[in-house]
């Protein structure tokens, strides 16, 4: 019985840690996506790309442990960031910003 309780405690601690890590990555993805939108709105395509790439890395980490509707929103946000990066690399700041805004909306929904 004591072994079962100890094992259960360990499993709960580990799963809580995974949730915290996913939550942290989701928050970082949102923060960087918001910075990408800000820079894109100023016409700074290269800075938009830099923040979008950072957001993408965090979003992929968050996606790996997310579940349900949150995972769907994170996945959609990842696709939007990939589009944002592609357009930003072509110096299309306005279009890239619209995609980054879409990512922000999805990340907010995932975190909500």
PDB file of N, CA and C in Angstrom:
ATOM      1  N   UNK A   1       0.819  -1.180   0.000  1.00  0.00           N
ATOM      2  CA  UNK A   1       0.000   0.000   0.000  1.00  0.00           C
ATOM      3  C   UNK A   1       0.872   1.256   0.000  1.00  0.00           C
ATOM      4  N   UNK A   2       1.924   1.267   0.823  1.00  0.00           N
ATOM      5  CA  UNK A   2       2.811   2.422   0.874  1.00  0.00           C
ATOM      6  C   UNK A   2       3.508   2.633  -0.466  1.00  0.00           C
ATOM      7  N   UNK A   3       3.859   1.513  -1.123  1.00  0.00           N
ATOM      8  CA  UNK A   3       4.500   1.619  -2.433  1.00  0.00           C
ATOM      9  C   UNK A   3       3.542   2.224  -3.443  1.00  0.00           C
ATOM     10  N   UNK A   4       2.282   1.843  -3.378  1.00  0.00           N
ATOM     11  CA  UNK A   4       1.283   2.379  -4.303  1.00  0.00           C
ATOM     12  C   UNK A   4       1.100   3.878  -4.106  1.00  0.00           C
ATOM     13  N   UNK A   5       1.053   4.297  -2.867  1.00  0.00           N
ATOM     14  CA  UNK A   5       0.900   5.724  -2.560  1.00  0.00           C
ATOM     15  C   UNK A   5       2.124   6.492  -3.036  1.00  0.00           C
ATOM     16  N   UNK A   6       3.298   5.933  -2.800  1.00  0.00           N
ATOM     17  CA  UNK A   6       4.530   6.594  -3.231  1.00  0.00           C
ATOM     18  C   UNK A   6       4.571   6.700  -4.753  1.00  0.00           C
ATOM     19  N   UNK A   7       4.200   5.637  -5.430  1.00  0.00           N
ATOM     20  CA  UNK A   7       4.188   5.639  -6.886  1.00  0.00           C
ATOM     21  C   UNK A   7       3.185   6.657  -7.421  1.00  0.00           C
ATOM     22  N   UNK A   8       2.008   6.689  -6.818  1.00  0.00           N
ATOM     23  CA  UNK A   8       0.989   7.641  -7.224  1.00  0.00           C
ATOM     24  C   UNK A   8       1.479   9.073  -7.009  1.00  0.00           C
ATOM     25  N   UNK A   9       2.134   9.330  -5.919  1.00  0.00           N
ATOM     26  CA  UNK A   9       2.675  10.659  -5.636  1.00  0.00           C
ATOM     27  C   UNK A   9       3.703  11.073  -6.685  1.00  0.00           C
ATOM     28  N   UNK A  10       4.554  10.148  -7.054  1.00  0.00           N
ATOM     29  CA  UNK A  10       5.568  10.425  -8.074  1.00  0.00           C
ATOM     30  C   UNK A  10       4.906  10.722  -9.411  1.00  0.00           C
ATOM     31  N   UNK A  11       3.932   9.917  -9.791  1.00  0.00           N
ATOM     32  CA  UNK A  11       3.238  10.133 -11.059  1.00  0.00           C
ATOM     33  C   UNK A  11       2.521  11.477 -11.095  1.00  0.00           C
ATOM     34  N   UNK A  12       1.887  11.843 -10.011  1.00  0.00           N
ATOM     35  CA  UNK A  12       1.209  13.138  -9.949  1.00  0.00           C
ATOM     36  C   UNK A  12       2.203  14.287 -10.051  1.00  0.00           C
ATOM     37  N   UNK A  13       3.320  14.145  -9.390  1.00  0.00           N
ATOM     38  CA  UNK A  13       4.343  15.194  -9.434  1.00  0.00           C
ATOM     39  C   UNK A  13       4.884  15.343 -10.852  1.00  0.00           C
ATOM     40  N   UNK A  14       5.135  14.226 -11.504  1.00  0.00           N
ATOM     41  CA  UNK A  14       5.653  14.273 -12.868  1.00  0.00           C
ATOM     42  C   UNK A  14       4.635  14.851 -13.840  1.00  0.00           C
ATOM     43  N   UNK A  15       3.383  14.473 -13.725  1.00  0.00           N
ATOM     44  CA  UNK A  15       2.374  14.994 -14.643  1.00  0.00           C
ATOM     45  C   UNK A  15       2.129  16.468 -14.390  1.00  0.00           C
ATOM     46  N   UNK A  16       2.192  16.897 -13.153  1.00  0.00           N
ATOM     47  CA  UNK A  16       2.062  18.319 -12.840  1.00  0.00           C
ATOM     48  C   UNK A  16       3.204  19.111 -13.433  1.00  0.00           C
ATOM     49  N   UNK A  17       4.384  18.552 -13.404  1.00  0.00           N
ATOM     50  CA  UNK A  17       5.544  19.200 -13.997  1.00  0.00           C
ATOM     51  C   UNK A  17       5.406  19.333 -15.500  1.00  0.00           C
ATOM     52  N   UNK A  18       4.862  18.316 -16.142  1.00  0.00           N
ATOM     53  CA  UNK A  18       4.650  18.372 -17.589  1.00  0.00           C
ATOM     54  C   UNK A  18       3.638  19.443 -17.934  1.00  0.00           C
ATOM     55  N   UNK A  19       2.569  19.539 -17.121  1.00  0.00           N
ATOM     56  CA  UNK A  19       1.566  20.569 -17.365  1.00  0.00           C
ATOM     57  C   UNK A  19       2.174  21.952 -17.186  1.00  0.00           C
ATOM     58  N   UNK A  20       2.970  22.125 -16.146  1.00  0.00           N
ATOM     59  CA  UNK A  20       3.593  23.422 -15.893  1.00  0.00           C
ATOM     60  C   UNK A  20       4.531  23.800 -17.026  1.00  0.00           C
ATOM     61  N   UNK A  21       5.267  22.811 -17.532  1.00  0.00           N
ATOM     62  CA  UNK A  21       6.189  23.071 -18.636  1.00  0.00           C
ATOM     63  C   UNK A  21       5.412  23.470 -19.883  1.00  0.00           C
ATOM     64  N   UNK A  22       4.335  22.768 -20.189  1.00  0.00           N
ATOM     65  CA  UNK A  22       3.516  23.096 -21.360  1.00  0.00           C
ATOM     66  C   UNK A  22       2.925  24.486 -21.210  1.00  0.00           C
ATOM     67  N   UNK A  23       2.443  24.789 -20.013  1.00  0.00           N
ATOM     68  CA  UNK A  23       1.857  26.094 -19.740  1.00  0.00           C
ATOM     69  C   UNK A  23       2.896  27.198 -19.909  1.00  0.00           C
ATOM     70  N   UNK A  24       4.092  26.963 -19.434  1.00  0.00           N
ATOM     71  CA  UNK A  24       5.177  27.934 -19.557  1.00  0.00           C
ATOM     72  C   UNK A  24       5.526  28.172 -21.020  1.00  0.00           C
ATOM     73  N   UNK A  25       5.631  27.103 -21.795  1.00  0.00           N
ATOM     74  CA  UNK A  25       5.940  27.243 -23.219  1.00  0.00           C
ATOM     75  C   UNK A  25       4.810  27.952 -23.955  1.00  0.00           C
ATOM     76  N   UNK A  26       3.569  27.652 -23.604  1.00  0.00           N
ATOM     77  CA  UNK A  26       2.429  28.315 -24.247  1.00  0.00           C
ATOM     78  C   UNK A  26       2.453  29.808 -23.952  1.00  0.00           C
ATOM     79  N   UNK A  27       2.774  30.166 -22.720  1.00  0.00           N
ATOM     80  CA  UNK A  27       2.852  31.581 -22.349  1.00  0.00           C
ATOM     81  C   UNK A  27       3.980  32.289 -23.098  1.00  0.00           C
ATOM     82  N   UNK A  28       5.112  31.626 -23.235  1.00  0.00           N
ATOM     83  CA  UNK A  28       6.237  32.203 -23.979  1.00  0.00           C
ATOM     84  C   UNK A  28       5.901  32.339 -25.461  1.00  0.00           C
ATOM     85  N   UNK A  29       5.204  31.346 -26.009  1.00  0.00           N
ATOM     86  CA  UNK A  29       4.794  31.424 -27.416  1.00  0.00           C
ATOM     87  C   UNK A  29       3.893  32.634 -27.626  1.00  0.00           C
ATOM     88  N   UNK A  30       2.948  32.827 -26.731  1.00  0.00           N
ATOM     89  CA  UNK A  30       2.046  33.970 -26.823  1.00  0.00           C
ATOM     90  C   UNK A  30       2.826  35.276 -26.726  1.00  0.00           C
ATOM     91  N   UNK A  31       3.733  35.378 -25.776  1.00  0.00           N
ATOM     92  CA  UNK A  31       4.517  36.600 -25.589  1.00  0.00           C
ATOM     93  C   UNK A  31       5.302  36.950 -26.849  1.00  0.00           C
ATOM     94  N   UNK A  32       5.999  35.963 -27.418  1.00  0.00           N
ATOM     95  CA  UNK A  32       6.797  36.226 -28.613  1.00  0.00           C
ATOM     96  C   UNK A  32       5.917  36.516 -29.828  1.00  0.00           C
ATOM     97  N   UNK A  33       4.782  35.858 -29.926  1.00  0.00           N
ATOM     98  CA  UNK A  33       3.866  36.135 -31.036  1.00  0.00           C
ATOM     99  C   UNK A  33       3.335  37.569 -30.939  1.00  0.00           C
ATOM    100  N   UNK A  34       3.051  38.026 -29.722  1.00  0.00           N
ATOM    101  CA  UNK A  34       2.609  39.411 -29.534  1.00  0.00           C
ATOM    102  C   UNK A  34       3.707  40.398 -29.918  1.00  0.00           C
ATOM    103  N   UNK A  35       4.952  40.068 -29.592  1.00  0.00           N
ATOM    104  CA  UNK A  35       6.074  40.921 -30.001  1.00  0.00           C
ATOM    105  C   UNK A  35       6.210  40.925 -31.531  1.00  0.00           C
ATOM    106  N   UNK A  36       5.987  39.779 -32.140  1.00  0.00           N
ATOM    107  CA  UNK A  36       6.043  39.708 -33.606  1.00  0.00           C
ATOM    108  C   UNK A  36       4.994  40.637 -34.220  1.00  0.00           C
ATOM    109  N   UNK A  37       3.787  40.620 -33.670  1.00  0.00           N
ATOM    110  CA  UNK A  37       2.723  41.500 -34.164  1.00  0.00           C
ATOM    111  C   UNK A  37       3.138  42.962 -34.010  1.00  0.00           C
ATOM    112  N   UNK A  38       3.685  43.299 -32.871  1.00  0.00           N
ATOM    113  CA  UNK A  38       4.107  44.676 -32.613  1.00  0.00           C
ATOM    114  C   UNK A  38       5.148  45.138 -33.631  1.00  0.00           C
ATOM    115  N   UNK A  39       6.158  44.335 -33.850  1.00  0.00           N
ATOM    116  CA  UNK A  39       7.198  44.701 -34.820  1.00  0.00           C
ATOM    117  C   UNK A  39       6.655  44.716 -36.245  1.00  0.00           C
ATOM    118  N   UNK A  40       5.809  43.767 -36.557  1.00  0.00           N
ATOM    119  CA  UNK A  40       5.224  43.738 -37.896  1.00  0.00           C
ATOM    120  C   UNK A  40       4.396  44.976 -38.174  1.00  0.00           C
ATOM    121  N   UNK A  41       3.678  45.429 -37.167  1.00  0.00           N
ATOM    122  CA  UNK A  41       2.871  46.632 -37.317  1.00  0.00           C
ATOM    123  C   UNK A  41       3.713  47.870 -37.586  1.00  0.00           C
ATOM    124  N   UNK A  42       4.968  47.810 -37.190  1.00  0.00           N
ATOM    125  CA  UNK A  42       5.896  48.915 -37.441  1.00  0.00           C
ATOM    126  C   UNK A  42       6.677  48.709 -38.745  1.00  0.00           C
ATOM    127  N   UNK A  43       6.371  47.617 -39.454  1.00  0.00           N
ATOM    128  CA  UNK A  43       7.050  47.332 -40.712  1.00  0.00           C
ATOM    129  C   UNK A  43       8.398  46.666 -40.553  1.00  0.00           C
ATOM    130  N   UNK A  44       8.714  46.181 -39.358  1.00  0.00           N
ATOM    131  CA  UNK A  44      10.011  45.541 -39.088  1.00  0.00           C
ATOM    132  C   UNK A  44       9.919  44.036 -39.352  1.00  0.00           C
ATOM    133  N   UNK A  45      10.013  43.657 -40.597  1.00  0.00           N
ATOM    134  CA  UNK A  45       9.838  42.248 -40.974  1.00  0.00           C
ATOM    135  C   UNK A  45      10.875  41.341 -40.329  1.00  0.00           C
ATOM    136  N   UNK A  46      12.124  41.775 -40.261  1.00  0.00           N
ATOM    137  CA  UNK A  46      13.166  40.884 -39.712  1.00  0.00           C
ATOM    138  C   UNK A  46      12.958  40.631 -38.220  1.00  0.00           C
ATOM    139  N   UNK A  47      12.543  41.652 -37.467  1.00  0.00           N
ATOM    140  CA  UNK A  47      12.270  41.455 -36.050  1.00  0.00           C
ATOM    141  C   UNK A  47      11.018  40.610 -35.850  1.00  0.00           C
ATOM    142  N   UNK A  48      10.033  40.801 -36.738  1.00  0.00           N
ATOM    143  CA  UNK A  48       8.839  39.955 -36.688  1.00  0.00           C
ATOM    144  C   UNK A  48       9.241  38.495 -36.841  1.00  0.00           C
ATOM    145  N   UNK A  49      10.077  38.209 -37.821  1.00  0.00           N
ATOM    146  CA  UNK A  49      10.515  36.826 -38.068  1.00  0.00           C
ATOM    147  C   UNK A  49      11.251  36.273 -36.855  1.00  0.00           C
ATOM    148  N   UNK A  50      12.110  37.066 -36.263  1.00  0.00           N
ATOM    149  CA  UNK A  50      12.866  36.609 -35.096  1.00  0.00           C
ATOM    150  C   UNK A  50      11.932  36.204 -33.956  1.00  0.00           C
ATOM    151  N   UNK A  51      10.963  37.050 -33.652  1.00  0.00           N
ATOM    152  CA  UNK A  51      10.026  36.730 -32.571  1.00  0.00           C
ATOM    153  C   UNK A  51       9.096  35.578 -32.963  1.00  0.00           C
ATOM    154  N   UNK A  52       8.687  35.532 -34.208  1.00  0.00           N
ATOM    155  CA  UNK A  52       7.819  34.444 -34.663  1.00  0.00           C
ATOM    156  C   UNK A  52       8.546  33.104 -34.576  1.00  0.00           C
ATOM    157  N   UNK A  53       9.836  33.097 -34.894  1.00  0.00           N
ATOM    158  CA  UNK A  53      10.616  31.861 -34.781  1.00  0.00           C
ATOM    159  C   UNK A  53      10.749  31.428 -33.322  1.00  0.00           C
ATOM    160  N   UNK A  54      10.958  32.393 -32.430  1.00  0.00           N
ATOM    161  CA  UNK A  54      11.009  32.059 -31.002  1.00  0.00           C
ATOM    162  C   UNK A  54       9.664  31.520 -30.535  1.00  0.00           C
ATOM    163  N   UNK A  55       8.596  32.173 -30.963  1.00  0.00           N
ATOM    164  CA  UNK A  55       7.248  31.715 -30.597  1.00  0.00           C
ATOM    165  C   UNK A  55       7.005  30.305 -31.125  1.00  0.00           C
ATOM    166  N   UNK A  56       7.457  30.049 -32.335  1.00  0.00           N
ATOM    167  CA  UNK A  56       7.258  28.736 -32.953  1.00  0.00           C
ATOM    168  C   UNK A  56       7.943  27.636 -32.139  1.00  0.00           C
ATOM    169  N   UNK A  57       9.144  27.879 -31.702  1.00  0.00           N
ATOM    170  CA  UNK A  57       9.857  26.886 -30.888  1.00  0.00           C
ATOM    171  C   UNK A  57       9.110  26.566 -29.600  1.00  0.00           C
ATOM    172  N   UNK A  58       8.647  27.608 -28.925  1.00  0.00           N
ATOM    173  CA  UNK A  58       7.894  27.396 -27.687  1.00  0.00           C
ATOM    174  C   UNK A  58       6.553  26.717 -27.966  1.00  0.00           C
ATOM    175  N   UNK A  59       5.910  27.110 -29.046  1.00  0.00           N
ATOM    176  CA  UNK A  59       4.609  26.521 -29.379  1.00  0.00           C
ATOM    177  C   UNK A  59       4.746  25.025 -29.663  1.00  0.00           C
ATOM    178  N   UNK A  60       5.798  24.645 -30.351  1.00  0.00           N
ATOM    179  CA  UNK A  60       6.008  23.218 -30.632  1.00  0.00           C
ATOM    180  C   UNK A  60       6.233  22.436 -29.345  1.00  0.00           C
ATOM    181  N   UNK A  61       6.951  23.030 -28.398  1.00  0.00           N
ATOM    182  CA  UNK A  61       7.147  22.372 -27.099  1.00  0.00           C
ATOM    183  C   UNK A  61       5.815  22.249 -26.362  1.00  0.00           C
ATOM    184  N   UNK A  62       5.023  23.303 -26.397  1.00  0.00           N
ATOM    185  CA  UNK A  62       3.718  23.278 -25.723  1.00  0.00           C
ATOM    186  C   UNK A  62       2.792  22.265 -26.377  1.00  0.00           C
ATOM    187  N   UNK A  63       2.838  22.182 -27.702  1.00  0.00           N
ATOM    188  CA  UNK A  63       1.967  21.261 -28.437  1.00  0.00           C
ATOM    189  C   UNK A  63       2.232  19.811 -28.062  1.00  0.00           C
ATOM    190  N   UNK A  64       3.481  19.490 -27.786  1.00  0.00           N
ATOM    191  CA  UNK A  64       3.844  18.098 -27.522  1.00  0.00           C
ATOM    192  C   UNK A  64       3.169  17.537 -26.268  1.00  0.00           C
ATOM    193  N   UNK A  65       2.786  18.404 -25.337  1.00  0.00           N
ATOM    194  CA  UNK A  65       2.138  17.903 -24.121  1.00  0.00           C
ATOM    195  C   UNK A  65       0.727  18.450 -23.932  1.00  0.00           C
ATOM    196  N   UNK A  66       0.259  19.247 -24.878  1.00  0.00           N
ATOM    197  CA  UNK A  66      -1.108  19.788 -24.779  1.00  0.00           C
ATOM    198  C   UNK A  66      -2.118  18.712 -25.154  1.00  0.00           C
ATOM    199  N   UNK A  67      -3.368  18.945 -24.753  1.00  0.00           N
ATOM    200  CA  UNK A  67      -4.435  17.984 -25.038  1.00  0.00           C
ATOM    201  C   UNK A  67      -5.696  18.714 -25.456  1.00  0.00           C
ATOM    202  N   UNK A  68      -6.546  18.000 -26.164  1.00  0.00           N
ATOM    203  CA  UNK A  68      -7.876  18.495 -26.485  1.00  0.00           C
ATOM    204  C   UNK A  68      -7.890  19.766 -27.295  1.00  0.00           C
ATOM    205  N   UNK A  69      -8.822  20.650 -26.931  1.00  0.00           N
ATOM    206  CA  UNK A  69      -9.015  21.895 -27.672  1.00  0.00           C
ATOM    207  C   UNK A  69      -7.783  22.795 -27.596  1.00  0.00           C
ATOM    208  N   UNK A  70      -7.086  22.772 -26.478  1.00  0.00           N
ATOM    209  CA  UNK A  70      -5.858  23.568 -26.367  1.00  0.00           C
ATOM    210  C   UNK A  70      -4.844  23.135 -27.415  1.00  0.00           C
ATOM    211  N   UNK A  71      -4.691  21.828 -27.585  1.00  0.00           N
ATOM    212  CA  UNK A  71      -3.747  21.321 -28.585  1.00  0.00           C
ATOM    213  C   UNK A  71      -4.157  21.756 -29.984  1.00  0.00           C
ATOM    214  N   UNK A  72      -5.475  21.736 -30.270  1.00  0.00           N
ATOM    215  CA  UNK A  72      -5.950  22.171 -31.581  1.00  0.00           C
ATOM    216  C   UNK A  72      -5.596  23.630 -31.842  1.00  0.00           C
ATOM    217  N   UNK A  73      -5.776  24.477 -30.821  1.00  0.00           N
ATOM    218  CA  UNK A  73      -5.449  25.891 -30.989  1.00  0.00           C
ATOM    219  C   UNK A  73      -3.942  26.100 -31.135  1.00  0.00           C
ATOM    220  N   UNK A  74      -3.163  25.379 -30.366  1.00  0.00           N
ATOM    221  CA  UNK A  74      -1.713  25.518 -30.485  1.00  0.00           C
ATOM    222  C   UNK A  74      -1.258  25.071 -31.876  1.00  0.00           C
ATOM    223  N   UNK A  75      -1.816  23.979 -32.371  1.00  0.00           N
ATOM    224  CA  UNK A  75      -1.464  23.499 -33.714  1.00  0.00           C
ATOM    225  C   UNK A  75      -1.824  24.535 -34.783  1.00  0.00           C
ATOM    226  N   UNK A  76      -2.996  25.142 -34.646  1.00  0.00           N
ATOM    227  CA  UNK A  76      -3.405  26.177 -35.602  1.00  0.00           C
ATOM    228  C   UNK A  76      -2.497  27.398 -35.488  1.00  0.00           C
ATOM    229  N   UNK A  77      -2.097  27.730 -34.263  1.00  0.00           N
ATOM    230  CA  UNK A  77      -1.173  28.842 -34.062  1.00  0.00           C
ATOM    231  C   UNK A  77       0.179  28.576 -34.694  1.00  0.00           C
ATOM    232  N   UNK A  78       0.623  27.338 -34.629  1.00  0.00           N
ATOM    233  CA  UNK A  78       1.895  26.950 -35.257  1.00  0.00           C
ATOM    234  C   UNK A  78       1.814  27.159 -36.769  1.00  0.00           C
ATOM    235  N   UNK A  79       0.729  26.730 -37.379  1.00  0.00           N
ATOM    236  CA  UNK A  79       0.565  26.921 -38.831  1.00  0.00           C
ATOM    237  C   UNK A  79       0.563  28.406 -39.185  1.00  0.00           C
ATOM    238  N   UNK A  80      -0.111  29.213 -38.366  1.00  0.00           N
ATOM    239  CA  UNK A  80      -0.142  30.656 -38.610  1.00  0.00           C
ATOM    240  C   UNK A  80       1.257  31.259 -38.486  1.00  0.00           C
ATOM    241  N   UNK A  81       2.027  30.808 -37.492  1.00  0.00           N
ATOM    242  CA  UNK A  81       3.394  31.309 -37.338  1.00  0.00           C
ATOM    243  C   UNK A  81       4.270  30.913 -38.524  1.00  0.00           C
ATOM    244  N   UNK A  82       4.098  29.709 -39.007  1.00  0.00           N
ATOM    245  CA  UNK A  82       4.890  29.272 -40.167  1.00  0.00           C
ATOM    246  C   UNK A  82       4.599  30.161 -41.376  1.00  0.00           C
ATOM    247  N   UNK A  83       3.328  30.515 -41.564  1.00  0.00           N
ATOM    248  CA  UNK A  83       2.960  31.429 -42.652  1.00  0.00           C
ATOM    249  C   UNK A  83       3.549  32.816 -42.395  1.00  0.00           C
ATOM    250  N   UNK A  84       3.478  33.262 -41.155  1.00  0.00           N
ATOM    251  CA  UNK A  84       4.021  34.570 -40.794  1.00  0.00           C
ATOM    252  C   UNK A  84       5.517  34.636 -41.103  1.00  0.00           C
ATOM    253  N   UNK A  85       6.226  33.603 -40.723  1.00  0.00           N
ATOM    254  CA  UNK A  85       7.674  33.553 -40.971  1.00  0.00           C
ATOM    255  C   UNK A  85       7.966  33.562 -42.472  1.00  0.00           C
ATOM    256  N   UNK A  86       7.219  32.773 -43.227  1.00  0.00           N
ATOM    257  CA  UNK A  86       7.435  32.707 -44.678  1.00  0.00           C
ATOM    258  C   UNK A  86       7.242  34.086 -45.320  1.00  0.00           C
ATOM    259  N   UNK A  87       6.174  34.778 -44.937  1.00  0.00           N
ATOM    260  CA  UNK A  87       5.923  36.106 -45.514  1.00  0.00           C
ATOM    261  C   UNK A  87       6.915  37.140 -44.983  1.00  0.00           C
ATOM    262  N   UNK A  88       7.270  37.027 -43.717  1.00  0.00           N
ATOM    263  CA  UNK A  88       8.259  37.949 -43.156  1.00  0.00           C
ATOM    264  C   UNK A  88       9.609  37.814 -43.834  1.00  0.00           C
ATOM    265  N   UNK A  89       9.979  36.596 -44.167  1.00  0.00           N
ATOM    266  CA  UNK A  89      11.242  36.369 -44.873  1.00  0.00           C
ATOM    267  C   UNK A  89      11.228  36.951 -46.281  1.00  0.00           C
ATOM    268  N   UNK A  90      10.037  37.194 -46.813  1.00  0.00           N
ATOM    269  CA  UNK A  90       9.902  37.836 -48.128  1.00  0.00           C
ATOM    270  C   UNK A  90       9.711  39.347 -47.975  1.00  0.00           C
ATOM    271  N   UNK A  91       9.866  39.825 -46.740  1.00  0.00           N
ATOM    272  CA  UNK A  91       9.708  41.239 -46.399  1.00  0.00           C
ATOM    273  C   UNK A  91       8.276  41.738 -46.605  1.00  0.00           C
ATOM    274  N   UNK A  92       7.313  40.854 -46.463  1.00  0.00           N
ATOM    275  CA  UNK A  92       5.891  41.202 -46.540  1.00  0.00           C
ATOM    276  C   UNK A  92       5.365  41.377 -45.122  1.00  0.00           C
ATOM    277  N   UNK A  93       5.779  42.469 -44.488  1.00  0.00           N
ATOM    278  CA  UNK A  93       5.466  42.678 -43.078  1.00  0.00           C
ATOM    279  C   UNK A  93       3.962  42.709 -42.806  1.00  0.00           C
ATOM    280  N   UNK A  94       3.198  43.320 -43.697  1.00  0.00           N
ATOM    281  CA  UNK A  94       1.756  43.446 -43.450  1.00  0.00           C
ATOM    282  C   UNK A  94       1.066  42.081 -43.431  1.00  0.00           C
ATOM    283  N   UNK A  95       1.364  41.249 -44.408  1.00  0.00           N
ATOM    284  CA  UNK A  95       0.758  39.915 -44.472  1.00  0.00           C
ATOM    285  C   UNK A  95       1.275  39.051 -43.319  1.00  0.00           C
ATOM    286  N   UNK A  96       2.566  39.156 -43.048  1.00  0.00           N
ATOM    287  CA  UNK A  96       3.162  38.389 -41.950  1.00  0.00           C
ATOM    288  C   UNK A  96       2.520  38.765 -40.620  1.00  0.00           C
ATOM    289  N   UNK A  97       2.210  40.031 -40.455  1.00  0.00           N
ATOM    290  CA  UNK A  97       1.581  40.497 -39.219  1.00  0.00           C
ATOM    291  C   UNK A  97       0.193  39.895 -39.053  1.00  0.00           C
ATOM    292  N   UNK A  98      -0.559  39.819 -40.135  1.00  0.00           N
ATOM    293  CA  UNK A  98      -1.907  39.224 -40.062  1.00  0.00           C
ATOM    294  C   UNK A  98      -1.833  37.766 -39.605  1.00  0.00           C
ATOM    295  N   UNK A  99      -0.857  37.028 -40.104  1.00  0.00           N
ATOM    296  CA  UNK A  99      -0.694  35.638 -39.680  1.00  0.00           C
ATOM    297  C   UNK A  99      -0.249  35.557 -38.216  1.00  0.00           C
ATOM    298  N   UNK A 100       0.627  36.477 -37.804  1.00  0.00           N
ATOM    299  CA  UNK A 100       1.057  36.499 -36.403  1.00  0.00           C
ATOM    300  C   UNK A 100      -0.120  36.837 -35.488  1.00  0.00           C
ATOM    301  N   UNK A 101      -1.003  37.736 -35.942  1.00  0.00           N
ATOM    302  CA  UNK A 101      -2.202  38.064 -35.162  1.00  0.00           C
ATOM    303  C   UNK A 101      -3.103  36.838 -35.016  1.00  0.00           C
ATOM    304  N   UNK A 102      -3.192  36.053 -36.082  1.00  0.00           N
ATOM    305  CA  UNK A 102      -3.976  34.815 -36.017  1.00  0.00           C
ATOM    306  C   UNK A 102      -3.378  33.863 -34.982  1.00  0.00           C
ATOM    307  N   UNK A 103      -2.050  33.762 -34.965  1.00  0.00           N
ATOM    308  CA  UNK A 103      -1.382  32.904 -33.979  1.00  0.00           C
ATOM    309  C   UNK A 103      -1.680  33.389 -32.563  1.00  0.00           C
ATOM    310  N   UNK A 104      -1.629  34.691 -32.350  1.00  0.00           N
ATOM    311  CA  UNK A 104      -1.929  35.249 -31.023  1.00  0.00           C
ATOM    312  C   UNK A 104      -3.339  34.848 -30.597  1.00  0.00           C
ATOM    313  N   UNK A 105      -4.295  34.961 -31.504  1.00  0.00           N
ATOM    314  CA  UNK A 105      -5.676  34.590 -31.178  1.00  0.00           C
ATOM    315  C   UNK A 105      -5.775  33.127 -30.759  1.00  0.00           C
ATOM    316  N   UNK A 106      -5.079  32.266 -31.493  1.00  0.00           N
ATOM    317  CA  UNK A 106      -5.124  30.833 -31.151  1.00  0.00           C
ATOM    318  C   UNK A 106      -4.422  30.552 -29.825  1.00  0.00           C
ATOM    319  N   UNK A 107      -3.305  31.206 -29.573  1.00  0.00           N
ATOM    320  CA  UNK A 107      -2.594  30.968 -28.323  1.00  0.00           C
ATOM    321  C   UNK A 107      -3.388  31.478 -27.125  1.00  0.00           C
ATOM    322  N   UNK A 108      -4.078  32.600 -27.312  1.00  0.00           N
ATOM    323  CA  UNK A 108      -4.937  33.093 -26.227  1.00  0.00           C
ATOM    324  C   UNK A 108      -6.062  32.111 -25.949  1.00  0.00           C
ATOM    325  N   UNK A 109      -6.636  31.544 -27.000  1.00  0.00           N
ATOM    326  CA  UNK A 109      -7.705  30.551 -26.823  1.00  0.00           C
ATOM    327  C   UNK A 109      -7.172  29.302 -26.149  1.00  0.00           C
ATOM    328  N   UNK A 110      -5.967  28.906 -26.487  1.00  0.00           N
ATOM    329  CA  UNK A 110      -5.356  27.713 -25.878  1.00  0.00           C
ATOM    330  C   UNK A 110      -5.055  27.940 -24.400  1.00  0.00           C
ATOM    331  N   UNK A 111      -4.666  29.152 -24.052  1.00  0.00           N
ATOM    332  CA  UNK A 111      -4.325  29.473 -22.660  1.00  0.00           C
ATOM    333  C   UNK A 111      -5.541  29.821 -21.837  1.00  0.00           C
ATOM    334  N   UNK A 112      -6.661  30.106 -22.517  1.00  0.00           N
ATOM    335  CA  UNK A 112      -7.870  30.554 -21.815  1.00  0.00           C
ATOM    336  C   UNK A 112      -8.576  29.451 -21.187  1.00  0.00           C
TER     337      UNK A 112
END
